[in-house]
N, C-alpha and C. Protein backbone atom coordinates (compact mmCIF):
# COMPACT_ATOMS: atom_id res chain seq x y z
N MET A 1 13.46 6.20 -18.66
CA MET A 1 13.49 5.34 -17.51
C MET A 1 12.18 4.60 -17.42
N LYS A 2 12.24 3.30 -17.26
CA LYS A 2 11.04 2.47 -17.19
C LYS A 2 10.35 2.68 -15.84
N ARG A 3 9.06 2.82 -15.87
CA ARG A 3 8.26 3.01 -14.66
C ARG A 3 8.11 1.71 -13.91
N ASP A 4 8.39 1.72 -12.61
CA ASP A 4 8.21 0.53 -11.78
C ASP A 4 6.79 0.57 -11.24
N SER A 5 5.95 -0.37 -11.66
CA SER A 5 4.55 -0.35 -11.24
C SER A 5 4.23 -1.40 -10.20
N ARG A 6 5.23 -2.02 -9.60
CA ARG A 6 4.97 -3.07 -8.60
C ARG A 6 4.13 -2.59 -7.46
N LEU A 7 4.44 -1.40 -6.92
CA LEU A 7 3.72 -0.88 -5.77
C LEU A 7 2.24 -0.64 -6.13
N SER A 8 2.00 0.06 -7.21
CA SER A 8 0.60 0.31 -7.59
C SER A 8 -0.14 -0.98 -7.91
N ASN A 9 0.54 -1.92 -8.54
CA ASN A 9 -0.08 -3.22 -8.85
C ASN A 9 -0.45 -3.96 -7.59
N ILE A 10 0.45 -4.03 -6.64
CA ILE A 10 0.17 -4.82 -5.45
C ILE A 10 -0.88 -4.12 -4.57
N LEU A 11 -0.89 -2.80 -4.54
CA LEU A 11 -1.93 -2.09 -3.82
C LEU A 11 -3.30 -2.39 -4.46
N HIS A 12 -3.34 -2.42 -5.75
CA HIS A 12 -4.54 -2.79 -6.50
C HIS A 12 -5.01 -4.19 -6.06
N ALA A 13 -4.10 -5.13 -6.02
CA ALA A 13 -4.45 -6.48 -5.62
C ALA A 13 -4.92 -6.55 -4.16
N LEU A 14 -4.27 -5.83 -3.27
CA LEU A 14 -4.65 -5.85 -1.85
C LEU A 14 -6.05 -5.30 -1.63
N LEU A 15 -6.40 -4.28 -2.39
CA LEU A 15 -7.76 -3.71 -2.27
C LEU A 15 -8.80 -4.70 -2.81
N HIS A 16 -8.48 -5.37 -3.88
CA HIS A 16 -9.38 -6.41 -4.40
C HIS A 16 -9.54 -7.52 -3.35
N MET A 17 -8.44 -7.90 -2.72
CA MET A 17 -8.49 -8.95 -1.70
C MET A 17 -9.37 -8.51 -0.54
N ALA A 18 -9.23 -7.28 -0.12
CA ALA A 18 -10.03 -6.78 1.01
C ALA A 18 -11.52 -6.78 0.66
N GLU A 19 -11.84 -6.29 -0.54
CA GLU A 19 -13.23 -6.27 -0.97
C GLU A 19 -13.79 -7.68 -1.05
N HIS A 20 -13.03 -8.58 -1.64
CA HIS A 20 -13.46 -9.97 -1.80
C HIS A 20 -13.65 -10.66 -0.43
N GLN A 21 -12.68 -10.43 0.42
CA GLN A 21 -12.76 -11.00 1.78
C GLN A 21 -13.99 -10.50 2.52
N ALA A 22 -14.25 -9.18 2.43
CA ALA A 22 -15.40 -8.62 3.13
C ALA A 22 -16.70 -9.15 2.57
N ARG A 23 -16.74 -9.36 1.26
CA ARG A 23 -17.96 -9.80 0.59
C ARG A 23 -18.22 -11.30 0.73
N THR A 24 -17.15 -12.10 0.65
CA THR A 24 -17.35 -13.54 0.62
C THR A 24 -16.79 -14.27 1.86
N GLY A 25 -15.90 -13.61 2.55
CA GLY A 25 -15.24 -14.28 3.70
C GLY A 25 -14.16 -15.25 3.28
N SER A 26 -13.88 -15.33 2.00
CA SER A 26 -12.91 -16.31 1.54
C SER A 26 -11.69 -15.60 0.93
N PRO A 27 -10.58 -16.33 0.84
CA PRO A 27 -9.37 -15.74 0.24
C PRO A 27 -9.51 -15.69 -1.29
N MET A 28 -8.60 -14.95 -1.92
CA MET A 28 -8.55 -14.92 -3.37
C MET A 28 -7.39 -15.80 -3.83
N THR A 29 -7.61 -16.51 -4.91
CA THR A 29 -6.59 -17.37 -5.46
C THR A 29 -5.62 -16.54 -6.29
N SER A 30 -4.45 -17.12 -6.54
CA SER A 30 -3.49 -16.49 -7.41
C SER A 30 -4.06 -16.25 -8.80
N ASP A 31 -4.89 -17.18 -9.24
CA ASP A 31 -5.52 -17.05 -10.57
C ASP A 31 -6.45 -15.85 -10.59
N GLN A 32 -7.26 -15.67 -9.56
CA GLN A 32 -8.17 -14.52 -9.52
C GLN A 32 -7.38 -13.21 -9.47
N LEU A 33 -6.34 -13.15 -8.66
CA LEU A 33 -5.51 -11.95 -8.59
C LEU A 33 -4.80 -11.68 -9.88
N ALA A 34 -4.38 -12.73 -10.56
CA ALA A 34 -3.70 -12.57 -11.88
C ALA A 34 -4.67 -11.92 -12.90
N VAL A 35 -5.95 -12.27 -12.83
CA VAL A 35 -6.93 -11.62 -13.73
C VAL A 35 -7.02 -10.15 -13.41
N CYS A 36 -7.09 -9.81 -12.15
CA CYS A 36 -7.18 -8.42 -11.73
C CYS A 36 -5.96 -7.62 -12.23
N LEU A 37 -4.82 -8.24 -12.22
CA LEU A 37 -3.57 -7.51 -12.51
C LEU A 37 -3.06 -7.75 -13.93
N SER A 38 -3.81 -8.53 -14.69
CA SER A 38 -3.39 -8.86 -16.09
C SER A 38 -1.97 -9.39 -16.12
N THR A 39 -1.74 -10.39 -15.28
CA THR A 39 -0.40 -11.00 -15.22
C THR A 39 -0.55 -12.50 -15.02
N ASN A 40 0.54 -13.16 -14.79
CA ASN A 40 0.59 -14.61 -14.61
C ASN A 40 0.46 -14.93 -13.12
N PRO A 41 -0.29 -16.00 -12.77
CA PRO A 41 -0.39 -16.39 -11.35
C PRO A 41 0.93 -16.65 -10.66
N VAL A 42 1.94 -17.07 -11.41
CA VAL A 42 3.28 -17.28 -10.81
C VAL A 42 3.85 -15.95 -10.33
N VAL A 43 3.65 -14.88 -11.06
CA VAL A 43 4.11 -13.55 -10.65
C VAL A 43 3.38 -13.13 -9.39
N VAL A 44 2.07 -13.42 -9.32
CA VAL A 44 1.29 -13.11 -8.13
C VAL A 44 1.87 -13.87 -6.95
N ARG A 45 2.06 -15.14 -7.07
CA ARG A 45 2.57 -15.95 -5.96
C ARG A 45 3.94 -15.46 -5.46
N ARG A 46 4.83 -15.14 -6.40
CA ARG A 46 6.14 -14.67 -6.02
C ARG A 46 6.06 -13.36 -5.26
N THR A 47 5.23 -12.43 -5.75
CA THR A 47 5.09 -11.13 -5.09
C THR A 47 4.43 -11.27 -3.73
N MET A 48 3.36 -12.04 -3.69
CA MET A 48 2.65 -12.23 -2.43
C MET A 48 3.50 -12.93 -1.38
N ALA A 49 4.39 -13.81 -1.80
CA ALA A 49 5.27 -14.48 -0.84
C ALA A 49 6.11 -13.46 -0.08
N GLY A 50 6.54 -12.42 -0.74
CA GLY A 50 7.32 -11.36 -0.07
C GLY A 50 6.46 -10.61 0.93
N LEU A 51 5.21 -10.40 0.61
CA LEU A 51 4.29 -9.73 1.53
C LEU A 51 3.93 -10.63 2.72
N ARG A 52 3.83 -11.95 2.43
CA ARG A 52 3.58 -12.91 3.52
C ARG A 52 4.74 -12.91 4.47
N ASP A 53 5.96 -12.86 3.96
CA ASP A 53 7.15 -12.85 4.84
C ASP A 53 7.16 -11.67 5.80
N GLN A 54 6.51 -10.56 5.39
CA GLN A 54 6.44 -9.34 6.22
C GLN A 54 5.16 -9.30 7.06
N GLY A 55 4.33 -10.33 7.01
CA GLY A 55 3.14 -10.41 7.83
C GLY A 55 1.98 -9.60 7.31
N LEU A 56 1.99 -9.19 6.05
CA LEU A 56 0.93 -8.38 5.50
C LEU A 56 -0.22 -9.21 4.94
N VAL A 57 0.14 -10.38 4.37
CA VAL A 57 -0.85 -11.31 3.86
C VAL A 57 -0.57 -12.69 4.40
N ALA A 58 -1.60 -13.56 4.30
CA ALA A 58 -1.43 -14.96 4.70
C ALA A 58 -1.93 -15.83 3.55
N SER A 59 -1.40 -17.03 3.49
CA SER A 59 -1.84 -17.94 2.42
C SER A 59 -2.42 -19.19 3.04
N GLU A 60 -3.39 -19.74 2.33
CA GLU A 60 -4.03 -20.98 2.74
C GLU A 60 -3.94 -21.95 1.58
N LYS A 61 -3.54 -23.16 1.85
CA LYS A 61 -3.36 -24.15 0.80
C LYS A 61 -4.62 -25.00 0.66
N GLY A 62 -4.70 -25.67 -0.48
CA GLY A 62 -5.78 -26.63 -0.71
C GLY A 62 -7.04 -26.00 -1.26
N HIS A 63 -8.06 -26.85 -1.36
CA HIS A 63 -9.35 -26.39 -1.89
C HIS A 63 -9.89 -25.28 -1.01
N GLY A 64 -10.31 -24.19 -1.64
CA GLY A 64 -10.80 -23.03 -0.87
C GLY A 64 -9.69 -22.16 -0.35
N GLY A 65 -8.46 -22.48 -0.71
CA GLY A 65 -7.32 -21.69 -0.21
C GLY A 65 -7.05 -20.50 -1.12
N GLY A 66 -6.02 -19.75 -0.77
CA GLY A 66 -5.65 -18.58 -1.52
C GLY A 66 -4.99 -17.58 -0.62
N TRP A 67 -5.07 -16.33 -0.98
CA TRP A 67 -4.43 -15.24 -0.26
C TRP A 67 -5.46 -14.38 0.45
N ARG A 68 -5.13 -13.98 1.68
CA ARG A 68 -6.00 -13.06 2.41
C ARG A 68 -5.12 -12.09 3.18
N LEU A 69 -5.71 -10.92 3.50
CA LEU A 69 -4.98 -9.94 4.27
C LEU A 69 -4.77 -10.48 5.68
N ALA A 70 -3.61 -10.25 6.25
CA ALA A 70 -3.26 -10.75 7.58
C ALA A 70 -3.55 -9.71 8.67
N ARG A 71 -3.79 -8.46 8.27
CA ARG A 71 -4.04 -7.38 9.20
C ARG A 71 -5.22 -6.54 8.72
N PRO A 72 -5.87 -5.85 9.64
CA PRO A 72 -6.93 -4.92 9.22
C PRO A 72 -6.35 -3.84 8.34
N LEU A 73 -7.20 -3.31 7.46
CA LEU A 73 -6.74 -2.30 6.48
C LEU A 73 -6.10 -1.06 7.16
N ASP A 74 -6.63 -0.68 8.32
CA ASP A 74 -6.10 0.50 8.96
C ASP A 74 -4.77 0.25 9.65
N GLN A 75 -4.27 -0.98 9.62
CA GLN A 75 -2.99 -1.29 10.23
C GLN A 75 -1.90 -1.61 9.20
N VAL A 76 -2.19 -1.31 7.95
CA VAL A 76 -1.21 -1.53 6.88
C VAL A 76 -1.02 -0.20 6.15
N THR A 77 0.21 0.31 6.15
CA THR A 77 0.49 1.55 5.42
C THR A 77 1.08 1.22 4.06
N LEU A 78 0.97 2.18 3.14
CA LEU A 78 1.59 2.02 1.87
C LEU A 78 3.11 1.90 2.00
N GLY A 79 3.67 2.54 3.04
CA GLY A 79 5.10 2.42 3.29
C GLY A 79 5.46 0.99 3.66
N GLN A 80 4.66 0.32 4.43
CA GLN A 80 4.95 -1.09 4.77
C GLN A 80 4.92 -1.97 3.54
N VAL A 81 3.96 -1.73 2.68
CA VAL A 81 3.86 -2.52 1.45
C VAL A 81 5.07 -2.22 0.57
N HIS A 82 5.41 -0.98 0.45
CA HIS A 82 6.59 -0.57 -0.34
C HIS A 82 7.84 -1.27 0.22
N ALA A 83 8.00 -1.26 1.52
CA ALA A 83 9.18 -1.90 2.14
C ALA A 83 9.17 -3.41 1.88
N ALA A 84 8.00 -4.03 1.94
CA ALA A 84 7.89 -5.48 1.69
C ALA A 84 8.26 -5.82 0.25
N LEU A 85 8.11 -4.88 -0.64
CA LEU A 85 8.48 -5.10 -2.03
C LEU A 85 9.97 -4.80 -2.29
N GLY A 86 10.67 -4.45 -1.26
CA GLY A 86 12.08 -4.18 -1.41
C GLY A 86 12.46 -2.70 -1.21
N GLY A 87 11.44 -1.85 -1.15
CA GLY A 87 11.67 -0.44 -0.87
C GLY A 87 12.40 0.34 -1.94
N THR A 88 12.41 -0.19 -3.15
CA THR A 88 13.11 0.50 -4.22
C THR A 88 12.18 0.68 -5.40
N GLY A 89 12.66 1.42 -6.39
CA GLY A 89 11.97 1.52 -7.65
C GLY A 89 11.18 2.79 -7.87
N LEU A 90 10.76 3.48 -6.87
CA LEU A 90 9.96 4.68 -7.09
C LEU A 90 10.83 5.87 -7.52
N ILE A 91 11.92 6.07 -6.86
CA ILE A 91 12.86 7.09 -7.20
C ILE A 91 14.25 6.45 -7.18
N PRO A 92 15.00 6.60 -8.25
CA PRO A 92 16.31 5.93 -8.33
C PRO A 92 17.28 6.45 -7.24
N ASP A 93 18.22 5.61 -6.88
CA ASP A 93 19.25 6.02 -5.92
C ASP A 93 20.15 7.11 -6.50
N ALA A 94 20.46 6.91 -7.78
CA ALA A 94 21.34 7.86 -8.46
C ALA A 94 21.10 7.80 -9.95
N PRO A 95 21.40 8.87 -10.66
CA PRO A 95 21.27 8.82 -12.09
C PRO A 95 22.30 7.85 -12.69
N PRO A 96 22.08 7.34 -13.87
CA PRO A 96 23.06 6.44 -14.47
C PRO A 96 24.30 7.22 -14.90
N VAL A 97 25.41 6.54 -14.86
CA VAL A 97 26.65 7.12 -15.34
C VAL A 97 26.80 6.75 -16.81
N GLU A 98 26.71 7.78 -17.65
CA GLU A 98 26.76 7.56 -19.12
C GLU A 98 28.15 7.78 -19.66
N ALA A 99 28.89 8.73 -19.07
CA ALA A 99 30.22 9.09 -19.59
C ALA A 99 31.21 9.03 -18.43
N GLN A 100 31.74 7.85 -18.18
CA GLN A 100 32.67 7.62 -17.05
C GLN A 100 33.82 8.65 -17.15
N GLY A 101 34.09 9.36 -16.04
CA GLY A 101 35.18 10.29 -16.01
C GLY A 101 34.81 11.71 -16.40
N CYS A 102 33.61 11.96 -16.85
CA CYS A 102 33.18 13.32 -17.24
C CYS A 102 32.88 14.10 -15.97
N LEU A 103 33.59 15.18 -15.77
CA LEU A 103 33.42 15.99 -14.55
C LEU A 103 32.09 16.71 -14.54
N VAL A 104 31.57 17.09 -15.69
CA VAL A 104 30.26 17.73 -15.75
C VAL A 104 29.20 16.73 -15.27
N GLU A 105 29.27 15.51 -15.82
CA GLU A 105 28.27 14.51 -15.42
C GLU A 105 28.43 14.18 -13.93
N ALA A 106 29.62 14.16 -13.39
CA ALA A 106 29.84 13.93 -11.97
C ALA A 106 29.17 15.00 -11.12
N ALA A 107 29.30 16.27 -11.53
CA ALA A 107 28.66 17.35 -10.79
C ALA A 107 27.14 17.23 -10.85
N VAL A 108 26.63 16.97 -12.05
CA VAL A 108 25.19 16.81 -12.22
C VAL A 108 24.68 15.65 -11.41
N ASN A 109 25.34 14.51 -11.49
CA ASN A 109 24.87 13.30 -10.78
C ASN A 109 24.94 13.46 -9.28
N GLU A 110 25.94 14.18 -8.76
CA GLU A 110 25.97 14.40 -7.32
C GLU A 110 24.80 15.24 -6.86
N ALA A 111 24.51 16.29 -7.61
CA ALA A 111 23.37 17.14 -7.26
C ALA A 111 22.07 16.35 -7.34
N LEU A 112 21.93 15.56 -8.40
CA LEU A 112 20.71 14.77 -8.56
C LEU A 112 20.62 13.67 -7.49
N SER A 113 21.74 13.07 -7.13
CA SER A 113 21.70 12.03 -6.11
C SER A 113 21.20 12.59 -4.77
N ASP A 114 21.70 13.77 -4.39
CA ASP A 114 21.23 14.40 -3.15
C ASP A 114 19.72 14.73 -3.24
N THR A 115 19.32 15.24 -4.43
CA THR A 115 17.90 15.54 -4.61
C THR A 115 17.07 14.32 -4.58
N TYR A 116 17.47 13.24 -5.21
CA TYR A 116 16.78 11.97 -5.16
C TYR A 116 16.61 11.45 -3.75
N ALA A 117 17.69 11.58 -2.96
CA ALA A 117 17.63 11.12 -1.57
C ALA A 117 16.61 11.92 -0.76
N ALA A 118 16.58 13.21 -0.97
CA ALA A 118 15.61 14.08 -0.26
C ALA A 118 14.18 13.72 -0.71
N ALA A 119 14.00 13.49 -2.01
CA ALA A 119 12.67 13.17 -2.52
C ALA A 119 12.22 11.80 -1.97
N ARG A 120 13.14 10.85 -1.92
CA ARG A 120 12.81 9.51 -1.38
C ARG A 120 12.35 9.62 0.08
N ALA A 121 13.04 10.43 0.88
CA ALA A 121 12.67 10.60 2.28
C ALA A 121 11.27 11.17 2.41
N LEU A 122 10.96 12.17 1.57
CA LEU A 122 9.61 12.75 1.61
C LEU A 122 8.58 11.72 1.15
N LEU A 123 8.87 10.97 0.12
CA LEU A 123 7.95 10.00 -0.40
C LEU A 123 7.69 8.91 0.62
N VAL A 124 8.73 8.40 1.27
CA VAL A 124 8.56 7.34 2.28
C VAL A 124 7.69 7.86 3.44
N ALA A 125 7.94 9.08 3.86
CA ALA A 125 7.13 9.65 4.95
C ALA A 125 5.67 9.74 4.54
N ARG A 126 5.42 10.14 3.30
CA ARG A 126 4.02 10.22 2.84
C ARG A 126 3.42 8.83 2.73
N LEU A 127 4.15 7.87 2.22
CA LEU A 127 3.62 6.48 2.12
C LEU A 127 3.29 5.92 3.51
N ASP A 128 4.11 6.28 4.48
CA ASP A 128 3.89 5.82 5.84
C ASP A 128 2.62 6.44 6.46
N SER A 129 2.12 7.52 5.89
CA SER A 129 0.98 8.22 6.47
C SER A 129 -0.33 7.78 5.82
N ILE A 130 -0.31 6.95 4.81
CA ILE A 130 -1.51 6.50 4.08
C ILE A 130 -1.70 5.02 4.35
N THR A 131 -2.92 4.64 4.77
CA THR A 131 -3.22 3.24 5.04
C THR A 131 -4.06 2.65 3.91
N LEU A 132 -4.15 1.33 3.90
CA LEU A 132 -5.01 0.66 2.99
C LEU A 132 -6.47 1.07 3.22
N ALA A 133 -6.82 1.38 4.48
CA ALA A 133 -8.18 1.81 4.80
C ALA A 133 -8.46 3.14 4.09
N ASP A 134 -7.49 4.00 4.00
CA ASP A 134 -7.65 5.26 3.26
C ASP A 134 -7.95 5.00 1.81
N LEU A 135 -7.20 4.07 1.21
CA LEU A 135 -7.44 3.72 -0.20
C LEU A 135 -8.83 3.07 -0.37
N ALA A 136 -9.16 2.19 0.54
CA ALA A 136 -10.48 1.50 0.46
C ALA A 136 -11.61 2.48 0.57
N ALA A 137 -11.47 3.50 1.41
CA ALA A 137 -12.53 4.51 1.52
C ALA A 137 -12.66 5.32 0.23
N ASP A 138 -11.54 5.66 -0.36
CA ASP A 138 -11.58 6.35 -1.64
C ASP A 138 -12.18 5.48 -2.73
N PHE A 139 -11.82 4.22 -2.77
CA PHE A 139 -12.38 3.27 -3.73
C PHE A 139 -13.91 3.19 -3.56
N SER A 140 -14.37 3.09 -2.31
CA SER A 140 -15.83 3.03 -2.04
C SER A 140 -16.54 4.27 -2.56
N ARG A 141 -15.93 5.45 -2.33
CA ARG A 141 -16.54 6.68 -2.83
C ARG A 141 -16.61 6.64 -4.37
N ARG A 142 -15.56 6.18 -5.00
CA ARG A 142 -15.56 6.11 -6.46
C ARG A 142 -16.57 5.11 -7.00
N MET A 143 -16.69 3.96 -6.35
CA MET A 143 -17.66 2.95 -6.79
C MET A 143 -19.09 3.47 -6.65
N ALA A 144 -19.36 4.22 -5.58
CA ALA A 144 -20.69 4.75 -5.37
C ALA A 144 -21.08 5.77 -6.46
N ALA A 145 -20.07 6.39 -7.05
CA ALA A 145 -20.34 7.40 -8.07
C ALA A 145 -20.43 6.81 -9.48
N HIS A 146 -20.14 5.51 -9.66
CA HIS A 146 -20.14 4.87 -10.98
C HIS A 146 -21.34 3.93 -11.09
N PRO A 147 -21.90 3.81 -12.30
CA PRO A 147 -22.97 2.83 -12.51
C PRO A 147 -22.41 1.40 -12.38
N ALA A 148 -23.28 0.49 -11.97
CA ALA A 148 -22.88 -0.91 -11.75
C ALA A 148 -22.30 -1.54 -13.01
N LYS A 149 -22.70 -1.08 -14.18
CA LYS A 149 -22.24 -1.69 -15.44
C LYS A 149 -20.99 -1.04 -15.96
N ASP A 150 -20.28 -0.31 -15.14
CA ASP A 150 -19.06 0.37 -15.58
C ASP A 150 -18.04 -0.63 -16.10
N PRO A 151 -17.65 -0.53 -17.38
CA PRO A 151 -16.72 -1.50 -17.93
C PRO A 151 -15.33 -1.49 -17.30
N LEU A 152 -14.97 -0.39 -16.66
CA LEU A 152 -13.65 -0.33 -16.01
C LEU A 152 -13.51 -1.30 -14.87
N HIS A 153 -14.66 -1.81 -14.35
CA HIS A 153 -14.59 -2.77 -13.24
C HIS A 153 -14.91 -4.19 -13.65
N ALA A 154 -14.82 -4.45 -14.97
CA ALA A 154 -15.11 -5.79 -15.47
C ALA A 154 -14.17 -6.84 -14.86
N HIS A 155 -12.92 -6.53 -14.69
CA HIS A 155 -12.00 -7.50 -14.11
C HIS A 155 -12.37 -7.79 -12.67
N LEU A 156 -12.94 -6.83 -11.95
CA LEU A 156 -13.36 -7.04 -10.57
C LEU A 156 -14.50 -8.03 -10.56
N ARG A 157 -15.51 -7.84 -11.38
CA ARG A 157 -16.64 -8.74 -11.43
C ARG A 157 -16.20 -10.14 -11.89
N LYS A 158 -15.34 -10.16 -12.92
CA LYS A 158 -14.86 -11.45 -13.46
C LYS A 158 -14.08 -12.25 -12.41
N SER A 159 -13.20 -11.55 -11.68
CA SER A 159 -12.35 -12.26 -10.69
C SER A 159 -13.17 -12.74 -9.51
N HIS A 160 -14.28 -12.07 -9.20
CA HIS A 160 -15.08 -12.50 -8.06
C HIS A 160 -16.18 -13.48 -8.44
N ALA A 161 -16.35 -13.70 -9.71
CA ALA A 161 -17.36 -14.65 -10.17
C ALA A 161 -16.95 -16.09 -9.92
N SER A 162 -15.64 -16.33 -9.89
CA SER A 162 -15.21 -17.72 -9.68
C SER A 162 -14.99 -18.07 -8.23
């Protein structure tokens, strides 16, 4: 099963936006966010548009424009971000049907479907209890423990240089 990384990717982008906003007071462009996420700016714009529709981010057009957070970090939960992305992908609704009509597979899939539903409910509750402020605080602790020349943060420095 292919891992859906949209939630982790967009949380990554939102934290970069918060840091950039706090440091410069300006929004981040789709190009800057694309560097952070190693993707295409079109993918960034498409994804951010869904978050904008939910009131999590705002966009500004023209010179000096870009994307900025629309709410304080402590007012955005991971659950809200997950819901803005469509609320799917972390745990499947049901296992795939490989052998149509197989009673063994039907029994297995029913048990797994119930288990998946229970796991999704727990996961959503946990996501609703974590805010972007919680992630930002953890990020700050991690940055304080790393030397400034840490190569793992090269994309952060590169995206904020422009």
